[in-house]
Amino acid sequence: MPASGALKVLGIDPGLTATGYGLILVEGNKHRALDFGAIKPKKGIEHADRLHTIHSALVDVIAREKPDEIAVEDFIVGHVRAAVAVGEARAMALLAASQAGLPVSMYKPAEVKQFVTSFGRGSKEQVQMMVQALLELDEPPQSHDAADALAVALCHSLKRGAALLSGALS
């Protein structure tokens, strides 16, 4: 954690059609959203160009926002084709984080929902509402991808705080 005691966490919700990102500032037990949105590659572009767009945009977000840590939503293997696509988008997030020399933690969707909504099978709308409440936003993030990314960042912060309290991290 930086000397100031504040921590900037960038959450990423990877996907080929939209990759959500959400940056939060953690100061003690307070959380504040600094930036969030979704990276949406143009429709009809080649697969490799979609991946390049995601990677380049994440590199830009990391350079602009200078997070201290990155949290990425992992995925559950379901439909093989979808899992591969999400895995490729996740790889772009991991590559961008690695290139910046930042630590990365990964969280399963149910774990994120458990930490944010207290229910591991919460709906997208519940996640949006809880993100709004926990970050004291005027309205819920309109993009599900951005809301999910903010939820990933919150999950990381809450889990990290619990580990610090138990002495598991230093």
Protein backbone atom coordinates (compact mmCIF):
# COMPACT_ATOMS: atom_id res chain seq x y z
CA MET A 1 0.00 0.00 0.00
CA PRO A 2 1.32 3.48 -0.78
CA ALA A 3 2.79 5.53 2.05
CA SER A 4 -0.25 7.81 2.14
CA GLY A 5 -2.40 4.88 3.21
CA ALA A 6 -4.58 5.26 0.13
CA LEU A 7 -4.81 2.45 -2.39
CA LYS A 8 -5.97 2.68 -6.01
CA VAL A 9 -7.45 -0.59 -7.28
CA LEU A 10 -8.34 -1.14 -10.93
CA GLY A 11 -11.00 -3.81 -11.43
CA ILE A 12 -11.38 -5.43 -14.84
CA ASP A 13 -14.30 -7.46 -16.18
CA PRO A 14 -12.90 -9.02 -19.38
CA GLY A 15 -14.95 -9.72 -22.48
CA LEU A 16 -14.45 -9.59 -26.25
CA THR A 17 -17.46 -7.41 -27.00
CA ALA A 18 -16.99 -5.23 -23.90
CA THR A 19 -14.30 -5.15 -21.23
CA GLY A 20 -15.35 -3.22 -18.18
CA TYR A 21 -12.92 -1.28 -16.02
CA GLY A 22 -13.44 0.45 -12.72
CA LEU A 23 -10.93 2.35 -10.59
CA ILE A 24 -11.58 2.87 -6.91
CA LEU A 25 -9.69 4.73 -4.22
CA VAL A 26 -9.53 2.95 -0.88
CA GLU A 27 -8.78 5.00 2.23
CA GLY A 28 -9.25 2.96 5.38
CA ASN A 29 -12.77 1.57 5.15
CA LYS A 30 -13.93 4.22 2.65
CA HIS A 31 -14.22 3.47 -1.05
CA ARG A 32 -14.66 6.02 -3.81
CA ALA A 33 -15.05 5.50 -7.56
CA LEU A 34 -12.49 7.50 -9.54
CA ASP A 35 -13.15 6.27 -13.07
CA PHE A 36 -15.13 3.53 -14.80
CA GLY A 37 -16.34 2.55 -18.22
CA ALA A 38 -16.31 -0.11 -20.89
CA ILE A 39 -13.91 -0.77 -23.72
CA LYS A 40 -15.97 -1.78 -26.74
CA PRO A 41 -14.02 -2.76 -29.85
CA LYS A 42 -15.71 -1.80 -33.11
CA LYS A 43 -18.08 -4.40 -34.51
CA GLY A 44 -16.89 -6.27 -37.54
CA ILE A 45 -13.15 -5.94 -36.90
CA GLU A 46 -10.85 -8.93 -36.96
CA HIS A 47 -10.46 -11.02 -33.82
CA ALA A 48 -6.80 -10.07 -33.34
CA ASP A 49 -7.73 -6.39 -33.73
CA ARG A 50 -10.37 -6.75 -31.00
CA LEU A 51 -7.71 -8.12 -28.65
CA HIS A 52 -5.32 -5.35 -29.62
CA THR A 53 -8.01 -2.72 -28.94
CA ILE A 54 -8.68 -4.17 -25.48
CA HIS A 55 -4.98 -4.38 -24.63
CA SER A 56 -4.19 -0.86 -25.89
CA ALA A 57 -7.13 0.68 -24.04
CA LEU A 58 -6.18 -1.07 -20.78
CA VAL A 59 -2.57 0.08 -21.17
CA ASP A 60 -3.90 3.64 -21.59
CA VAL A 61 -6.15 3.36 -18.51
CA ILE A 62 -3.26 2.01 -16.42
CA ALA A 63 -0.89 4.76 -17.62
CA ARG A 64 -3.47 7.50 -17.02
CA GLU A 65 -4.85 6.33 -13.67
CA LYS A 66 -1.72 4.74 -12.14
CA PRO A 67 -3.41 2.04 -10.02
CA ASP A 68 -1.48 0.31 -7.24
CA GLU A 69 -3.10 -3.09 -7.78
CA ILE A 70 -5.27 -4.77 -10.37
CA ALA A 71 -8.12 -7.21 -9.82
CA VAL A 72 -9.48 -9.24 -12.72
CA GLU A 73 -12.66 -11.28 -12.86
CA ASP A 74 -11.84 -14.86 -13.69
CA PHE A 75 -14.37 -17.02 -15.45
CA ILE A 76 -16.11 -20.30 -14.96
CA VAL A 77 -15.74 -22.75 -17.81
CA GLY A 78 -19.11 -23.17 -19.43
CA HIS A 79 -19.52 -23.02 -23.16
CA VAL A 80 -16.03 -23.70 -24.55
CA ARG A 81 -16.13 -21.04 -27.26
CA ALA A 82 -17.27 -18.35 -24.79
CA ALA A 83 -14.66 -19.46 -22.24
CA VAL A 84 -11.90 -19.15 -24.83
CA ALA A 85 -13.07 -15.67 -25.86
CA VAL A 86 -13.24 -14.43 -22.26
CA GLY A 87 -9.89 -16.09 -21.58
CA GLU A 88 -8.30 -14.19 -24.45
CA ALA A 89 -9.70 -10.88 -23.18
CA ARG A 90 -8.51 -11.78 -19.67
CA ALA A 91 -5.04 -12.48 -21.11
CA MET A 92 -4.97 -8.93 -22.51
CA ALA A 93 -5.73 -7.58 -19.01
CA LEU A 94 -3.04 -9.74 -17.43
CA LEU A 95 -0.52 -8.70 -20.09
CA ALA A 96 -1.25 -4.99 -19.58
CA ALA A 97 -0.88 -5.39 -15.80
CA SER A 98 2.35 -7.36 -16.17
CA GLN A 99 3.81 -4.78 -18.54
CA ALA A 100 3.10 -2.11 -15.91
CA GLY A 101 4.70 -4.24 -13.19
CA LEU A 102 1.51 -4.30 -11.12
CA PRO A 103 0.30 -7.10 -8.85
CA VAL A 104 -2.82 -8.91 -10.07
CA SER A 105 -5.44 -10.88 -8.18
CA MET A 106 -8.21 -12.88 -9.84
CA TYR A 107 -11.70 -13.54 -8.51
CA LYS A 108 -14.48 -15.86 -9.63
CA PRO A 109 -17.82 -14.19 -10.43
CA ALA A 110 -19.58 -15.87 -7.48
CA GLU A 111 -16.88 -14.63 -5.11
CA VAL A 112 -17.28 -11.05 -6.38
CA LYS A 113 -21.05 -11.23 -5.99
CA GLN A 114 -20.69 -12.74 -2.50
CA PHE A 115 -18.47 -9.88 -1.33
CA VAL A 116 -20.53 -7.14 -2.96
CA THR A 117 -24.13 -8.36 -2.64
CA SER A 118 -23.76 -10.97 0.16
CA PHE A 119 -25.22 -13.50 -2.28
CA GLY A 120 -23.03 -15.46 -4.71
CA ARG A 121 -25.74 -15.59 -7.35
CA GLY A 122 -26.81 -11.95 -7.31
CA SER A 123 -28.24 -10.48 -10.50
CA LYS A 124 -26.53 -7.84 -12.66
CA GLU A 125 -29.05 -5.32 -11.33
CA GLN A 126 -28.23 -6.23 -7.70
CA VAL A 127 -24.53 -5.76 -8.42
CA GLN A 128 -25.23 -2.35 -10.00
CA MET A 129 -27.32 -1.26 -7.01
CA MET A 130 -24.77 -2.44 -4.44
CA VAL A 131 -21.90 -0.81 -6.33
CA GLN A 132 -23.91 2.42 -6.31
CA ALA A 133 -24.54 2.12 -2.56
CA LEU A 134 -21.01 1.06 -1.56
CA LEU A 135 -19.35 3.77 -3.66
CA GLU A 136 -22.03 6.39 -2.87
CA LEU A 137 -22.67 7.09 -6.55
CA ASP A 138 -25.58 9.32 -7.55
CA GLU A 139 -26.87 6.56 -9.83
CA PRO A 140 -25.83 3.01 -10.65
CA PRO A 141 -23.28 2.60 -13.44
CA GLN A 142 -25.28 2.24 -16.65
CA SER A 143 -22.88 -0.29 -18.14
CA HIS A 144 -23.11 -3.77 -16.58
CA ASP A 145 -19.48 -4.24 -17.60
CA ALA A 146 -18.34 -1.13 -15.68
CA ALA A 147 -20.48 -2.09 -12.67
CA ASP A 148 -18.97 -5.58 -12.68
CA ALA A 149 -15.45 -4.12 -12.90
CA LEU A 150 -16.15 -1.81 -9.95
CA ALA A 151 -17.51 -4.84 -8.07
CA VAL A 152 -14.27 -6.74 -8.79
CA ALA A 153 -12.24 -3.80 -7.42
CA LEU A 154 -14.48 -3.66 -4.32
CA CYS A 155 -14.19 -7.41 -3.81
CA HIS A 156 -10.40 -7.14 -3.96
CA SER A 157 -10.36 -4.26 -1.50
CA LEU A 158 -12.75 -5.96 0.94
CA LYS A 159 -10.94 -9.29 0.72
CA ARG A 160 -7.56 -7.56 1.05
CA GLY A 161 -8.80 -5.65 4.10
CA ALA A 162 -10.03 -8.85 5.74
CA ALA A 163 -6.65 -10.49 5.07
CA LEU A 164 -4.81 -7.51 6.56
CA LEU A 165 -6.97 -7.68 9.67
CA SER A 166 -6.24 -11.38 10.07
CA GLY A 167 -2.52 -10.80 9.53
CA ALA A 168 -2.35 -12.80 6.29
CA LEU A 169 -0.84 -9.86 4.34
CA SER A 170 1.72 -7.32 5.37
